[in-house]
Amino acid sequence: MKQALEHDVDALFIKKWVEELRGYDPGYILNLPSKNYDLFSQPESHYPQPLYNFQERIKKTKDLLWQWKKSNKVKKNNLKILSKHVKV
């Protein structure tokens, strides 16, 4: 939503592509993430159910990345990894 708040305060892009939100005030639309609004559960919605829970997936991915970061193999090869993936 940071992108929308900075570049689309009138919610024109969102209203164009998410027809269920076209009749709503931009202030309401831009605050939806904080309200846990779920387009998938609306009776009139034609959106398919998500294939997985995004918040759960994010947590699992972060946990996995931290496990790798703490591993001895990564610690041992830290400079080699950084030189390959970080341009200075």
PDB file of N, CA and C in Angstrom:
ATOM      1  N   MET A   1       0.812  -1.187   0.000  1.00  0.00           N
ATOM      2  CA  MET A   1       0.000   0.000   0.000  1.00  0.00           C
ATOM      3  C   MET A   1       0.860   1.258   0.000  1.00  0.00           C
ATOM      4  N   LYS A   2       2.127   1.118   0.380  1.00  0.00           N
ATOM      5  CA  LYS A   2       3.017   2.281   0.372  1.00  0.00           C
ATOM      6  C   LYS A   2       3.049   2.900  -1.024  1.00  0.00           C
ATOM      7  N   GLN A   3       3.121   2.055  -2.029  1.00  0.00           N
ATOM      8  CA  GLN A   3       3.147   2.513  -3.416  1.00  0.00           C
ATOM      9  C   GLN A   3       1.870   3.299  -3.737  1.00  0.00           C
ATOM     10  N   ALA A   4       0.736   2.783  -3.334  1.00  0.00           N
ATOM     11  CA  ALA A   4      -0.539   3.455  -3.592  1.00  0.00           C
ATOM     12  C   ALA A   4      -0.613   4.782  -2.857  1.00  0.00           C
ATOM     13  N   LEU A   5      -0.166   4.803  -1.611  1.00  0.00           N
ATOM     14  CA  LEU A   5      -0.207   6.046  -0.834  1.00  0.00           C
ATOM     15  C   LEU A   5       0.680   7.129  -1.446  1.00  0.00           C
ATOM     16  N   GLU A   6       1.784   6.725  -2.038  1.00  0.00           N
ATOM     17  CA  GLU A   6       2.709   7.693  -2.617  1.00  0.00           C
ATOM     18  C   GLU A   6       2.354   8.092  -4.052  1.00  0.00           C
ATOM     19  N   HIS A   7       1.762   7.169  -4.816  1.00  0.00           N
ATOM     20  CA  HIS A   7       1.580   7.428  -6.244  1.00  0.00           C
ATOM     21  C   HIS A   7       0.137   7.361  -6.750  1.00  0.00           C
ATOM     22  N   ASP A   8      -0.788   6.929  -5.913  1.00  0.00           N
ATOM     23  CA  ASP A   8      -2.177   6.799  -6.366  1.00  0.00           C
ATOM     24  C   ASP A   8      -3.141   7.082  -5.216  1.00  0.00           C
ATOM     25  N   VAL A   9      -3.015   8.292  -4.652  1.00  0.00           N
ATOM     26  CA  VAL A   9      -3.833   8.631  -3.488  1.00  0.00           C
ATOM     27  C   VAL A   9      -5.332   8.662  -3.802  1.00  0.00           C
ATOM     28  N   ASP A  10      -5.688   8.734  -5.080  1.00  0.00           N
ATOM     29  CA  ASP A  10      -7.103   8.694  -5.463  1.00  0.00           C
ATOM     30  C   ASP A  10      -7.580   7.271  -5.737  1.00  0.00           C
ATOM     31  N   ALA A  11      -6.686   6.304  -5.602  1.00  0.00           N
ATOM     32  CA  ALA A  11      -6.977   4.878  -5.793  1.00  0.00           C
ATOM     33  C   ALA A  11      -7.519   4.576  -7.186  1.00  0.00           C
ATOM     34  N   LEU A  12      -7.099   5.324  -8.184  1.00  0.00           N
ATOM     35  CA  LEU A  12      -7.595   5.132  -9.552  1.00  0.00           C
ATOM     36  C   LEU A  12      -7.177   3.775 -10.125  1.00  0.00           C
ATOM     37  N   PHE A  13      -5.928   3.382  -9.887  1.00  0.00           N
ATOM     38  CA  PHE A  13      -5.440   2.102 -10.397  1.00  0.00           C
ATOM     39  C   PHE A  13      -6.215   0.946  -9.768  1.00  0.00           C
ATOM     40  N   ILE A  14      -6.356   0.994  -8.454  1.00  0.00           N
ATOM     41  CA  ILE A  14      -7.060  -0.082  -7.744  1.00  0.00           C
ATOM     42  C   ILE A  14      -8.514  -0.163  -8.210  1.00  0.00           C
ATOM     43  N   LYS A  15      -9.156   0.993  -8.333  1.00  0.00           N
ATOM     44  CA  LYS A  15     -10.559   1.008  -8.771  1.00  0.00           C
ATOM     45  C   LYS A  15     -10.706   0.474 -10.195  1.00  0.00           C
ATOM     46  N   LYS A  16      -9.705   0.729 -11.030  1.00  0.00           N
ATOM     47  CA  LYS A  16      -9.773   0.237 -12.411  1.00  0.00           C
ATOM     48  C   LYS A  16      -9.719  -1.289 -12.459  1.00  0.00           C
ATOM     49  N   TRP A  17      -8.874  -1.894 -11.647  1.00  0.00           N
ATOM     50  CA  TRP A  17      -8.630  -3.330 -11.745  1.00  0.00           C
ATOM     51  C   TRP A  17      -9.389  -4.186 -10.733  1.00  0.00           C
ATOM     52  N   VAL A  18      -9.919  -3.589  -9.666  1.00  0.00           N
ATOM     53  CA  VAL A  18     -10.679  -4.348  -8.669  1.00  0.00           C
ATOM     54  C   VAL A  18     -12.086  -3.761  -8.634  1.00  0.00           C
ATOM     55  N   GLU A  19     -12.948  -4.328  -9.472  1.00  0.00           N
ATOM     56  CA  GLU A  19     -14.268  -3.731  -9.666  1.00  0.00           C
ATOM     57  C   GLU A  19     -15.108  -3.662  -8.394  1.00  0.00           C
ATOM     58  N   GLU A  20     -14.890  -4.553  -7.447  1.00  0.00           N
ATOM     59  CA  GLU A  20     -15.652  -4.529  -6.208  1.00  0.00           C
ATOM     60  C   GLU A  20     -15.388  -3.265  -5.385  1.00  0.00           C
ATOM     61  N   LEU A  21     -14.279  -2.600  -5.639  1.00  0.00           N
ATOM     62  CA  LEU A  21     -13.907  -1.419  -4.861  1.00  0.00           C
ATOM     63  C   LEU A  21     -14.212  -0.101  -5.563  1.00  0.00           C
ATOM     64  N   ARG A  22     -14.777  -0.148  -6.749  1.00  0.00           N
ATOM     65  CA  ARG A  22     -15.002   1.069  -7.535  1.00  0.00           C
ATOM     66  C   ARG A  22     -15.908   2.083  -6.853  1.00  0.00           C
ATOM     67  N   GLY A  23     -16.862   1.647  -6.080  1.00  0.00           N
ATOM     68  CA  GLY A  23     -17.789   2.569  -5.451  1.00  0.00           C
ATOM     69  C   GLY A  23     -17.320   3.132  -4.119  1.00  0.00           C
ATOM     70  N   TYR A  24     -16.136   2.747  -3.682  1.00  0.00           N
ATOM     71  CA  TYR A  24     -15.660   3.164  -2.364  1.00  0.00           C
ATOM     72  C   TYR A  24     -14.761   4.394  -2.436  1.00  0.00           C
ATOM     73  N   ASP A  25     -14.715   5.124  -1.337  1.00  0.00           N
ATOM     74  CA  ASP A  25     -13.875   6.293  -1.170  1.00  0.00           C
ATOM     75  C   ASP A  25     -12.399   5.868  -1.139  1.00  0.00           C
ATOM     76  N   PRO A  26     -11.494   6.648  -1.772  1.00  0.00           N
ATOM     77  CA  PRO A  26     -10.075   6.289  -1.776  1.00  0.00           C
ATOM     78  C   PRO A  26      -9.500   6.086  -0.370  1.00  0.00           C
ATOM     79  N   GLY A  27      -9.906   6.894   0.594  1.00  0.00           N
ATOM     80  CA  GLY A  27      -9.408   6.740   1.961  1.00  0.00           C
ATOM     81  C   GLY A  27      -9.750   5.380   2.533  1.00  0.00           C
ATOM     82  N   TYR A  28     -10.956   4.898   2.223  1.00  0.00           N
ATOM     83  CA  TYR A  28     -11.381   3.577   2.692  1.00  0.00           C
ATOM     84  C   TYR A  28     -10.534   2.490   2.033  1.00  0.00           C
ATOM     85  N   ILE A  29     -10.349   2.602   0.723  1.00  0.00           N
ATOM     86  CA  ILE A  29      -9.595   1.595  -0.029  1.00  0.00           C
ATOM     87  C   ILE A  29      -8.147   1.514   0.457  1.00  0.00           C
ATOM     88  N   LEU A  30      -7.517   2.661   0.641  1.00  0.00           N
ATOM     89  CA  LEU A  30      -6.106   2.678   1.019  1.00  0.00           C
ATOM     90  C   LEU A  30      -5.870   2.194   2.443  1.00  0.00           C
ATOM     91  N   ASN A  31      -6.919   2.091   3.238  1.00  0.00           N
ATOM     92  CA  ASN A  31      -6.791   1.580   4.602  1.00  0.00           C
ATOM     93  C   ASN A  31      -7.278   0.140   4.740  1.00  0.00           C
ATOM     94  N   LEU A  32      -7.636  -0.499   3.648  1.00  0.00           N
ATOM     95  CA  LEU A  32      -8.141  -1.867   3.710  1.00  0.00           C
ATOM     96  C   LEU A  32      -7.170  -2.870   4.322  1.00  0.00           C
ATOM     97  N   PRO A  33      -5.873  -2.829   4.009  1.00  0.00           N
ATOM     98  CA  PRO A  33      -4.982  -3.833   4.601  1.00  0.00           C
ATOM     99  C   PRO A  33      -5.027  -3.831   6.126  1.00  0.00           C
ATOM    100  N   SER A  34      -5.218  -2.677   6.725  1.00  0.00           N
ATOM    101  CA  SER A  34      -5.265  -2.620   8.180  1.00  0.00           C
ATOM    102  C   SER A  34      -6.582  -3.146   8.730  1.00  0.00           C
ATOM    103  N   LYS A  35      -7.568  -3.334   7.843  1.00  0.00           N
ATOM    104  CA  LYS A  35      -8.877  -3.825   8.277  1.00  0.00           C
ATOM    105  C   LYS A  35      -9.055  -5.314   7.984  1.00  0.00           C
ATOM    106  N   ASN A  36      -8.032  -5.964   7.424  1.00  0.00           N
ATOM    107  CA  ASN A  36      -8.113  -7.384   7.060  1.00  0.00           C
ATOM    108  C   ASN A  36      -9.290  -7.669   6.145  1.00  0.00           C
ATOM    109  N   TYR A  37      -9.528  -6.801   5.188  1.00  0.00           N
ATOM    110  CA  TYR A  37     -10.603  -6.982   4.217  1.00  0.00           C
ATOM    111  C   TYR A  37     -10.252  -8.167   3.328  1.00  0.00           C
ATOM    112  N   ASP A  38     -11.211  -9.014   3.082  1.00  0.00           N
ATOM    113  CA  ASP A  38     -10.954 -10.216   2.295  1.00  0.00           C
ATOM    114  C   ASP A  38     -11.869 -10.260   1.079  1.00  0.00           C
ATOM    115  N   LEU A  39     -11.328  -9.908  -0.096  1.00  0.00           N
ATOM    116  CA  LEU A  39     -12.124  -9.933  -1.328  1.00  0.00           C
ATOM    117  C   LEU A  39     -12.601 -11.338  -1.667  1.00  0.00           C
ATOM    118  N   PHE A  40     -11.852 -12.343  -1.216  1.00  0.00           N
ATOM    119  CA  PHE A  40     -12.177 -13.717  -1.583  1.00  0.00           C
ATOM    120  C   PHE A  40     -13.437 -14.237  -0.884  1.00  0.00           C
ATOM    121  N   SER A  41     -13.777 -13.665   0.258  1.00  0.00           N
ATOM    122  CA  SER A  41     -14.916 -14.180   1.009  1.00  0.00           C
ATOM    123  C   SER A  41     -16.226 -13.454   0.709  1.00  0.00           C
ATOM    124  N   GLN A  42     -16.183 -12.448  -0.148  1.00  0.00           N
ATOM    125  CA  GLN A  42     -17.402 -11.712  -0.484  1.00  0.00           C
ATOM    126  C   GLN A  42     -18.316 -12.583  -1.348  1.00  0.00           C
ATOM    127  N   PRO A  43     -19.616 -12.616  -1.039  1.00  0.00           N
ATOM    128  CA  PRO A  43     -20.539 -13.474  -1.800  1.00  0.00           C
ATOM    129  C   PRO A  43     -20.569 -13.149  -3.296  1.00  0.00           C
ATOM    130  N   GLU A  44     -20.431 -11.869  -3.640  1.00  0.00           N
ATOM    131  CA  GLU A  44     -20.491 -11.470  -5.049  1.00  0.00           C
ATOM    132  C   GLU A  44     -19.149 -11.586  -5.765  1.00  0.00           C
ATOM    133  N   SER A  45     -18.127 -12.028  -5.046  1.00  0.00           N
ATOM    134  CA  SER A  45     -16.785 -12.096  -5.606  1.00  0.00           C
ATOM    135  C   SER A  45     -16.653 -13.235  -6.616  1.00  0.00           C
ATOM    136  N   HIS A  46     -15.926 -12.950  -7.671  1.00  0.00           N
ATOM    137  CA  HIS A  46     -15.631 -13.979  -8.672  1.00  0.00           C
ATOM    138  C   HIS A  46     -14.165 -14.414  -8.593  1.00  0.00           C
ATOM    139  N   TYR A  47     -13.461 -13.958  -7.537  1.00  0.00           N
ATOM    140  CA  TYR A  47     -12.062 -14.324  -7.370  1.00  0.00           C
ATOM    141  C   TYR A  47     -11.947 -15.731  -6.795  1.00  0.00           C
ATOM    142  N   PRO A  48     -11.015 -16.520  -7.313  1.00  0.00           N
ATOM    143  CA  PRO A  48     -10.800 -17.853  -6.722  1.00  0.00           C
ATOM    144  C   PRO A  48     -10.146 -17.713  -5.350  1.00  0.00           C
ATOM    145  N   GLN A  49     -10.299 -18.713  -4.532  1.00  0.00           N
ATOM    146  CA  GLN A  49      -9.645 -18.714  -3.225  1.00  0.00           C
ATOM    147  C   GLN A  49      -8.129 -18.766  -3.417  1.00  0.00           C
ATOM    148  N   PRO A  50      -7.373 -18.107  -2.543  1.00  0.00           N
ATOM    149  CA  PRO A  50      -5.905 -18.164  -2.663  1.00  0.00           C
ATOM    150  C   PRO A  50      -5.416 -19.604  -2.520  1.00  0.00           C
ATOM    151  N   LEU A  51      -4.323 -19.900  -3.182  1.00  0.00           N
ATOM    152  CA  LEU A  51      -3.761 -21.245  -3.110  1.00  0.00           C
ATOM    153  C   LEU A  51      -3.027 -21.485  -1.803  1.00  0.00           C
ATOM    154  N   TYR A  52      -2.534 -20.408  -1.172  1.00  0.00           N
ATOM    155  CA  TYR A  52      -1.868 -20.542   0.115  1.00  0.00           C
ATOM    156  C   TYR A  52      -1.970 -19.230   0.882  1.00  0.00           C
ATOM    157  N   ASN A  53      -1.695 -19.302   2.164  1.00  0.00           N
ATOM    158  CA  ASN A  53      -1.742 -18.135   3.035  1.00  0.00           C
ATOM    159  C   ASN A  53      -0.441 -17.352   2.887  1.00  0.00           C
ATOM    160  N   PHE A  54      -0.523 -16.119   2.387  1.00  0.00           N
ATOM    161  CA  PHE A  54       0.675 -15.331   2.129  1.00  0.00           C
ATOM    162  C   PHE A  54       1.467 -15.038   3.403  1.00  0.00           C
ATOM    163  N   GLN A  55       0.777 -14.702   4.489  1.00  0.00           N
ATOM    164  CA  GLN A  55       1.482 -14.386   5.730  1.00  0.00           C
ATOM    165  C   GLN A  55       2.232 -15.613   6.252  1.00  0.00           C
ATOM    166  N   GLU A  56       1.610 -16.760   6.148  1.00  0.00           N
ATOM    167  CA  GLU A  56       2.251 -18.005   6.579  1.00  0.00           C
ATOM    168  C   GLU A  56       3.464 -18.302   5.699  1.00  0.00           C
ATOM    169  N   ARG A  57       3.315 -18.103   4.394  1.00  0.00           N
ATOM    170  CA  ARG A  57       4.411 -18.348   3.451  1.00  0.00           C
ATOM    171  C   ARG A  57       5.585 -17.403   3.713  1.00  0.00           C
ATOM    172  N   ILE A  58       5.294 -16.145   4.004  1.00  0.00           N
ATOM    173  CA  ILE A  58       6.344 -15.171   4.300  1.00  0.00           C
ATOM    174  C   ILE A  58       7.122 -15.601   5.544  1.00  0.00           C
ATOM    175  N   LYS A  59       6.410 -16.002   6.579  1.00  0.00           N
ATOM    176  CA  LYS A  59       7.063 -16.418   7.822  1.00  0.00           C
ATOM    177  C   LYS A  59       7.959 -17.637   7.588  1.00  0.00           C
ATOM    178  N   LYS A  60       7.448 -18.628   6.866  1.00  0.00           N
ATOM    179  CA  LYS A  60       8.243 -19.832   6.597  1.00  0.00           C
ATOM    180  C   LYS A  60       9.501 -19.495   5.786  1.00  0.00           C
ATOM    181  N   THR A  61       9.357 -18.601   4.819  1.00  0.00           N
ATOM    182  CA  THR A  61      10.490 -18.216   3.982  1.00  0.00           C
ATOM    183  C   THR A  61      11.540 -17.476   4.800  1.00  0.00           C
ATOM    184  N   LYS A  62      11.091 -16.545   5.638  1.00  0.00           N
ATOM    185  CA  LYS A  62      12.039 -15.819   6.495  1.00  0.00           C
ATOM    186  C   LYS A  62      12.759 -16.775   7.437  1.00  0.00           C
ATOM    187  N   ASP A  63      12.021 -17.701   8.031  1.00  0.00           N
ATOM    188  CA  ASP A  63      12.641 -18.684   8.929  1.00  0.00           C
ATOM    189  C   ASP A  63      13.699 -19.498   8.199  1.00  0.00           C
ATOM    190  N   LEU A  64      13.375 -19.912   6.985  1.00  0.00           N
ATOM    191  CA  LEU A  64      14.315 -20.702   6.190  1.00  0.00           C
ATOM    192  C   LEU A  64      15.565 -19.892   5.854  1.00  0.00           C
ATOM    193  N   LEU A  65      15.381 -18.634   5.465  1.00  0.00           N
ATOM    194  CA  LEU A  65      16.535 -17.785   5.150  1.00  0.00           C
ATOM    195  C   LEU A  65      17.432 -17.583   6.366  1.00  0.00           C
ATOM    196  N   TRP A  66      16.835 -17.389   7.537  1.00  0.00           N
ATOM    197  CA  TRP A  66      17.633 -17.229   8.754  1.00  0.00           C
ATOM    198  C   TRP A  66      18.370 -18.524   9.101  1.00  0.00           C
ATOM    199  N   GLN A  67      17.754 -19.661   8.854  1.00  0.00           N
ATOM    200  CA  GLN A  67      18.445 -20.938   9.093  1.00  0.00           C
ATOM    201  C   GLN A  67      19.680 -21.035   8.214  1.00  0.00           C
ATOM    202  N   TRP A  68      19.524 -20.680   6.939  1.00  0.00           N
ATOM    203  CA  TRP A  68      20.665 -20.726   6.028  1.00  0.00           C
ATOM    204  C   TRP A  68      21.748 -19.754   6.462  1.00  0.00           C
ATOM    205  N   LYS A  69      21.331 -18.543   6.827  1.00  0.00           N
ATOM    206  CA  LYS A  69      22.297 -17.526   7.217  1.00  0.00           C
ATOM    207  C   LYS A  69      23.134 -17.976   8.422  1.00  0.00           C
ATOM    208  N   LYS A  70      22.514 -18.723   9.316  1.00  0.00           N
ATOM    209  CA  LYS A  70      23.208 -19.187  10.523  1.00  0.00           C
ATOM    210  C   LYS A  70      24.026 -20.458  10.291  1.00  0.00           C
ATOM    211  N   SER A  71      23.872 -21.086   9.133  1.00  0.00           N
ATOM    212  CA  SER A  71      24.564 -22.354   8.891  1.00  0.00           C
ATOM    213  C   SER A  71      26.072 -22.133   8.733  1.00  0.00           C
ATOM    214  N   ASN A  72      26.831 -23.139   9.111  1.00  0.00           N
ATOM    215  CA  ASN A  72      28.281 -23.058   9.011  1.00  0.00           C
ATOM    216  C   ASN A  72      28.757 -22.907   7.572  1.00  0.00           C
ATOM    217  N   LYS A  73      28.064 -23.542   6.659  1.00  0.00           N
ATOM    218  CA  LYS A  73      28.462 -23.471   5.245  1.00  0.00           C
ATOM    219  C   LYS A  73      28.357 -22.027   4.731  1.00  0.00           C
ATOM    220  N   VAL A  74      27.274 -21.353   5.077  1.00  0.00           N
ATOM    221  CA  VAL A  74      27.109 -19.967   4.639  1.00  0.00           C
ATOM    222  C   VAL A  74      28.135 -19.072   5.332  1.00  0.00           C
ATOM    223  N   LYS A  75      28.331 -19.267   6.619  1.00  0.00           N
ATOM    224  CA  LYS A  75      29.310 -18.465   7.354  1.00  0.00           C
ATOM    225  C   LYS A  75      30.709 -18.635   6.754  1.00  0.00           C
ATOM    226  N   LYS A  76      31.035 -19.859   6.405  1.00  0.00           N
ATOM    227  CA  LYS A  76      32.355 -20.161   5.846  1.00  0.00           C
ATOM    228  C   LYS A  76      32.556 -19.502   4.480  1.00  0.00           C
ATOM    229  N   ASN A  77      31.484 -19.451   3.694  1.00  0.00           N
ATOM    230  CA  ASN A  77      31.573 -18.921   2.329  1.00  0.00           C
ATOM    231  C   ASN A  77      30.971 -17.534   2.184  1.00  0.00           C
ATOM    232  N   ASN A  78      30.828 -16.822   3.273  1.00  0.00           N
ATOM    233  CA  ASN A  78      30.167 -15.531   3.269  1.00  0.00           C
ATOM    234  C   ASN A  78      30.750 -14.547   2.253  1.00  0.00           C
ATOM    235  N   LEU A  79      32.067 -14.389   2.224  1.00  0.00           N
ATOM    236  CA  LEU A  79      32.686 -13.445   1.291  1.00  0.00           C
ATOM    237  C   LEU A  79      32.474 -13.847  -0.162  1.00  0.00           C
ATOM    238  N   LYS A  80      32.544 -15.126  -0.420  1.00  0.00           N
ATOM    239  CA  LYS A  80      32.335 -15.633  -1.780  1.00  0.00           C
ATOM    240  C   LYS A  80      30.891 -15.373  -2.223  1.00  0.00           C
ATOM    241  N   ILE A  81      29.949 -15.620  -1.333  1.00  0.00           N
ATOM    242  CA  ILE A  81      28.525 -15.395  -1.636  1.00  0.00           C
ATOM    243  C   ILE A  81      28.268 -13.913  -1.896  1.00  0.00           C
ATOM    244  N   LEU A  82      28.782 -13.066  -1.023  1.00  0.00           N
ATOM    245  CA  LEU A  82      28.578 -11.626  -1.180  1.00  0.00           C
ATOM    246  C   LEU A  82      29.201 -11.107  -2.471  1.00  0.00           C
ATOM    247  N   SER A  83      30.400 -11.571  -2.801  1.00  0.00           N
ATOM    248  CA  SER A  83      31.057 -11.088  -4.019  1.00  0.00           C
ATOM    249  C   SER A  83      30.281 -11.473  -5.284  1.00  0.00           C
ATOM    250  N   LYS A  84      29.580 -12.574  -5.213  1.00  0.00           N
ATOM    251  CA  LYS A  84      28.810 -13.013  -6.373  1.00  0.00           C
ATOM    252  C   LYS A  84      27.474 -12.259  -6.502  1.00  0.00           C
ATOM    253  N   HIS A  85      26.842 -11.943  -5.374  1.00  0.00           N
ATOM    254  CA  HIS A  85      25.479 -11.410  -5.408  1.00  0.00           C
ATOM    255  C   HIS A  85      25.358  -9.933  -5.070  1.00  0.00           C
ATOM    256  N   VAL A  86      26.425  -9.309  -4.612  1.00  0.00           N
ATOM    257  CA  VAL A  86      26.370  -7.895  -4.252  1.00  0.00           C
ATOM    258  C   VAL A  86      27.394  -7.132  -5.076  1.00  0.00           C
ATOM    259  N   LYS A  87      26.910  -6.190  -5.854  1.00  0.00           N
ATOM    260  CA  LYS A  87      27.807  -5.369  -6.671  1.00  0.00           C
ATOM    261  C   LYS A  87      28.168  -4.107  -5.896  1.00  0.00           C
ATOM    262  N   VAL A  88      29.450  -3.847  -5.798  1.00  0.00           N
ATOM    263  CA  VAL A  88      29.903  -2.686  -5.038  1.00  0.00           C
ATOM    264  C   VAL A  88      30.334  -1.586  -5.967  1.00  0.00           C
TER     265      VAL A  88
END
